[in-house]
Amino acid sequence: MSGNKRLDQEGFLLLEAILSWLILVTCLMIYIPFLINMTVSLKNTRNEVELARIGYEQIQKTLIDEPIEITWVTGGKTYQITEIKAGHWKGIRVYEKEQELVLQMVAFTSTTAQ
């Protein structure tokens, strides 16, 4: 009788099943909101990095006096780019819907004395 249950052993109780189910549900209730927040945070951070990358590339173009690109399409998103010139500094403004990045660069000009 090695494969049969002995008479003094009890089976899996309903109470044990409910308790393990409650533990599982509690863990999921903690984990799912955390996972959703991390996904939203990842999306926002990815967009911020993309804004910074585009701004860096465009500010490099202004350093060597190349024209900047007005629009930039990457990852299915369209970014608008404008050049800012005010007095002794110039810069780049990159924006996409609700997010905006402004990079300012001081433009030093050399003059020769006569």
C-alpha atoms as a PDB file:
ATOM      1  CA  MET A   1       0.000   0.000   0.000  1.00  0.00           C
ATOM      2  CA  SER A   2       2.719   2.415  -0.840  1.00  0.00           C
ATOM      3  CA  GLY A   3       0.636   4.464  -3.316  1.00  0.00           C
ATOM      4  CA  ASN A   4      -2.488   4.788  -1.183  1.00  0.00           C
ATOM      5  CA  LYS A   5      -3.137   7.373   1.521  1.00  0.00           C
ATOM      6  CA  ARG A   6      -2.916   6.233   5.028  1.00  0.00           C
ATOM      7  CA  LEU A   7      -6.031   6.677   7.052  1.00  0.00           C
ATOM      8  CA  ASP A   8      -4.512   9.159   9.514  1.00  0.00           C
ATOM      9  CA  GLN A   9      -3.372  11.676   6.834  1.00  0.00           C
ATOM     10  CA  GLU A  10      -5.569  14.641   6.062  1.00  0.00           C
ATOM     11  CA  GLY A  11      -6.023  16.152   2.610  1.00  0.00           C
ATOM     12  CA  PHE A  12      -5.517  19.744   1.492  1.00  0.00           C
ATOM     13  CA  LEU A  13      -7.934  21.822   3.530  1.00  0.00           C
ATOM     14  CA  LEU A  14     -10.150  24.560   2.160  1.00  0.00           C
ATOM     15  CA  LEU A  15      -8.770  26.889   4.815  1.00  0.00           C
ATOM     16  CA  GLU A  16      -5.228  26.329   3.533  1.00  0.00           C
ATOM     17  CA  ALA A  17      -6.355  27.052  -0.024  1.00  0.00           C
ATOM     18  CA  ILE A  18      -8.057  30.305   0.990  1.00  0.00           C
ATOM     19  CA  LEU A  19      -5.041  31.394   3.020  1.00  0.00           C
ATOM     20  CA  SER A  20      -2.600  30.778   0.169  1.00  0.00           C
ATOM     21  CA  TRP A  21      -4.953  32.574  -2.250  1.00  0.00           C
ATOM     22  CA  LEU A  22      -5.112  35.615   0.083  1.00  0.00           C
ATOM     23  CA  ILE A  23      -1.325  35.727   0.330  1.00  0.00           C
ATOM     24  CA  LEU A  24      -1.049  35.611  -3.458  1.00  0.00           C
ATOM     25  CA  VAL A  25      -3.666  38.354  -3.942  1.00  0.00           C
ATOM     26  CA  THR A  26      -1.980  40.570  -1.330  1.00  0.00           C
ATOM     27  CA  CYS A  27       1.363  40.233  -3.084  1.00  0.00           C
ATOM     28  CA  LEU A  28      -0.239  41.119  -6.423  1.00  0.00           C
ATOM     29  CA  MET A  29      -2.017  44.144  -4.909  1.00  0.00           C
ATOM     30  CA  ILE A  30       1.362  45.467  -3.793  1.00  0.00           C
ATOM     31  CA  TYR A  31       3.275  44.564  -6.962  1.00  0.00           C
ATOM     32  CA  ILE A  32       0.884  45.749  -9.720  1.00  0.00           C
ATOM     33  CA  PRO A  33       0.680  49.451  -8.694  1.00  0.00           C
ATOM     34  CA  PHE A  34       4.462  49.485  -8.272  1.00  0.00           C
ATOM     35  CA  LEU A  35       4.870  48.023 -11.760  1.00  0.00           C
ATOM     36  CA  ILE A  36       2.488  50.588 -13.286  1.00  0.00           C
ATOM     37  CA  ASN A  37       4.323  53.501 -11.606  1.00  0.00           C
ATOM     38  CA  MET A  38       7.667  52.204 -12.827  1.00  0.00           C
ATOM     39  CA  THR A  39       6.333  51.889 -16.386  1.00  0.00           C
ATOM     40  CA  VAL A  40       5.083  55.503 -16.379  1.00  0.00           C
ATOM     41  CA  SER A  41       8.365  56.702 -14.877  1.00  0.00           C
ATOM     42  CA  LEU A  42      10.334  54.818 -17.537  1.00  0.00           C
ATOM     43  CA  LYS A  43       8.287  56.424 -20.314  1.00  0.00           C
ATOM     44  CA  ASN A  44       8.835  59.936 -18.917  1.00  0.00           C
ATOM     45  CA  THR A  45      12.552  59.358 -18.401  1.00  0.00           C
ATOM     46  CA  ARG A  46      12.946  57.981 -21.907  1.00  0.00           C
ATOM     47  CA  ASN A  47      11.302  61.120 -23.319  1.00  0.00           C
ATOM     48  CA  GLU A  48      13.546  63.386 -21.203  1.00  0.00           C
ATOM     49  CA  VAL A  49      16.651  61.594 -22.461  1.00  0.00           C
ATOM     50  CA  GLU A  50      15.447  61.924 -26.046  1.00  0.00           C
ATOM     51  CA  LEU A  51      14.868  65.676 -25.545  1.00  0.00           C
ATOM     52  CA  ALA A  52      18.373  66.074 -24.117  1.00  0.00           C
ATOM     53  CA  ARG A  53      19.941  64.096 -26.977  1.00  0.00           C
ATOM     54  CA  ILE A  54      18.191  66.166 -29.636  1.00  0.00           C
ATOM     55  CA  GLY A  55      19.084  69.388 -27.822  1.00  0.00           C
ATOM     56  CA  TYR A  56      22.729  68.354 -27.572  1.00  0.00           C
ATOM     57  CA  GLU A  57      22.956  67.507 -31.266  1.00  0.00           C
ATOM     58  CA  GLN A  58      21.319  70.775 -32.286  1.00  0.00           C
ATOM     59  CA  ILE A  59      23.431  72.913 -29.941  1.00  0.00           C
ATOM     60  CA  GLN A  60      26.522  71.327 -31.524  1.00  0.00           C
ATOM     61  CA  LYS A  61      25.263  72.497 -34.915  1.00  0.00           C
ATOM     62  CA  THR A  62      24.933  76.066 -33.645  1.00  0.00           C
ATOM     63  CA  LEU A  63      28.541  75.965 -32.425  1.00  0.00           C
ATOM     64  CA  ILE A  64      29.799  75.359 -35.948  1.00  0.00           C
ATOM     65  CA  ASP A  65      27.216  77.718 -37.480  1.00  0.00           C
ATOM     66  CA  GLU A  66      25.219  75.036 -39.277  1.00  0.00           C
ATOM     67  CA  PRO A  67      21.461  75.472 -39.617  1.00  0.00           C
ATOM     68  CA  ILE A  68      19.408  73.556 -37.065  1.00  0.00           C
ATOM     69  CA  GLU A  69      16.586  71.208 -37.962  1.00  0.00           C
ATOM     70  CA  ILE A  70      13.114  72.600 -37.290  1.00  0.00           C
ATOM     71  CA  THR A  71      11.459  69.223 -36.691  1.00  0.00           C
ATOM     72  CA  TRP A  72      12.908  65.931 -35.533  1.00  0.00           C
ATOM     73  CA  VAL A  73      11.027  62.645 -35.851  1.00  0.00           C
ATOM     74  CA  THR A  74      12.201  59.668 -33.822  1.00  0.00           C
ATOM     75  CA  GLY A  75      10.415  56.803 -32.142  1.00  0.00           C
ATOM     76  CA  GLY A  76       7.079  57.819 -33.629  1.00  0.00           C
ATOM     77  CA  LYS A  77       7.214  61.253 -31.963  1.00  0.00           C
ATOM     78  CA  THR A  78       7.727  64.618 -33.613  1.00  0.00           C
ATOM     79  CA  TYR A  79       9.842  67.161 -31.737  1.00  0.00           C
ATOM     80  CA  GLN A  80       9.813  70.868 -32.593  1.00  0.00           C
ATOM     81  CA  ILE A  81      13.118  72.756 -32.393  1.00  0.00           C
ATOM     82  CA  THR A  82      13.611  76.505 -32.341  1.00  0.00           C
ATOM     83  CA  GLU A  83      16.789  78.529 -32.104  1.00  0.00           C
ATOM     84  CA  ILE A  84      16.971  81.320 -29.555  1.00  0.00           C
ATOM     85  CA  LYS A  85      19.227  84.360 -29.999  1.00  0.00           C
ATOM     86  CA  ALA A  86      19.191  87.101 -27.396  1.00  0.00           C
ATOM     87  CA  GLY A  87      22.088  89.419 -26.811  1.00  0.00           C
ATOM     88  CA  HIS A  88      25.297  87.594 -25.937  1.00  0.00           C
ATOM     89  CA  TRP A  89      23.807  84.157 -25.749  1.00  0.00           C
ATOM     90  CA  LYS A  90      22.010  81.773 -27.993  1.00  0.00           C
ATOM     91  CA  GLY A  91      20.287  78.515 -27.331  1.00  0.00           C
ATOM     92  CA  ILE A  92      17.937  75.776 -28.427  1.00  0.00           C
ATOM     93  CA  ARG A  93      14.366  75.031 -27.385  1.00  0.00           C
ATOM     94  CA  VAL A  94      13.144  71.473 -27.970  1.00  0.00           C
ATOM     95  CA  TYR A  95       9.561  70.573 -27.159  1.00  0.00           C
ATOM     96  CA  GLU A  96       7.137  67.747 -27.701  1.00  0.00           C
ATOM     97  CA  LYS A  97       3.556  68.180 -26.502  1.00  0.00           C
ATOM     98  CA  GLU A  98       3.792  68.754 -22.741  1.00  0.00           C
ATOM     99  CA  GLN A  99       7.571  68.454 -22.276  1.00  0.00           C
ATOM    100  CA  GLU A 100      10.079  71.165 -23.114  1.00  0.00           C
ATOM    101  CA  LEU A 101      13.856  71.487 -22.871  1.00  0.00           C
ATOM    102  CA  VAL A 102      15.717  74.787 -23.150  1.00  0.00           C
ATOM    103  CA  LEU A 103      19.517  74.778 -23.544  1.00  0.00           C
ATOM    104  CA  GLN A 104      21.323  78.101 -23.316  1.00  0.00           C
ATOM    105  CA  MET A 105      24.829  78.720 -24.535  1.00  0.00           C
ATOM    106  CA  VAL A 106      26.851  81.868 -24.025  1.00  0.00           C
ATOM    107  CA  ALA A 107      28.353  82.951 -27.313  1.00  0.00           C
ATOM    108  CA  PHE A 108      31.696  84.598 -26.817  1.00  0.00           C
ATOM    109  CA  THR A 109      32.762  86.749 -29.739  1.00  0.00           C
ATOM    110  CA  SER A 110      36.309  87.904 -30.151  1.00  0.00           C
ATOM    111  CA  THR A 111      37.105  91.337 -31.445  1.00  0.00           C
ATOM    112  CA  THR A 112      40.485  92.589 -32.546  1.00  0.00           C
ATOM    113  CA  ALA A 113      41.778  95.886 -31.201  1.00  0.00           C
ATOM    114  CA  GLN A 114      43.202  98.363 -33.717  1.00  0.00           C
END
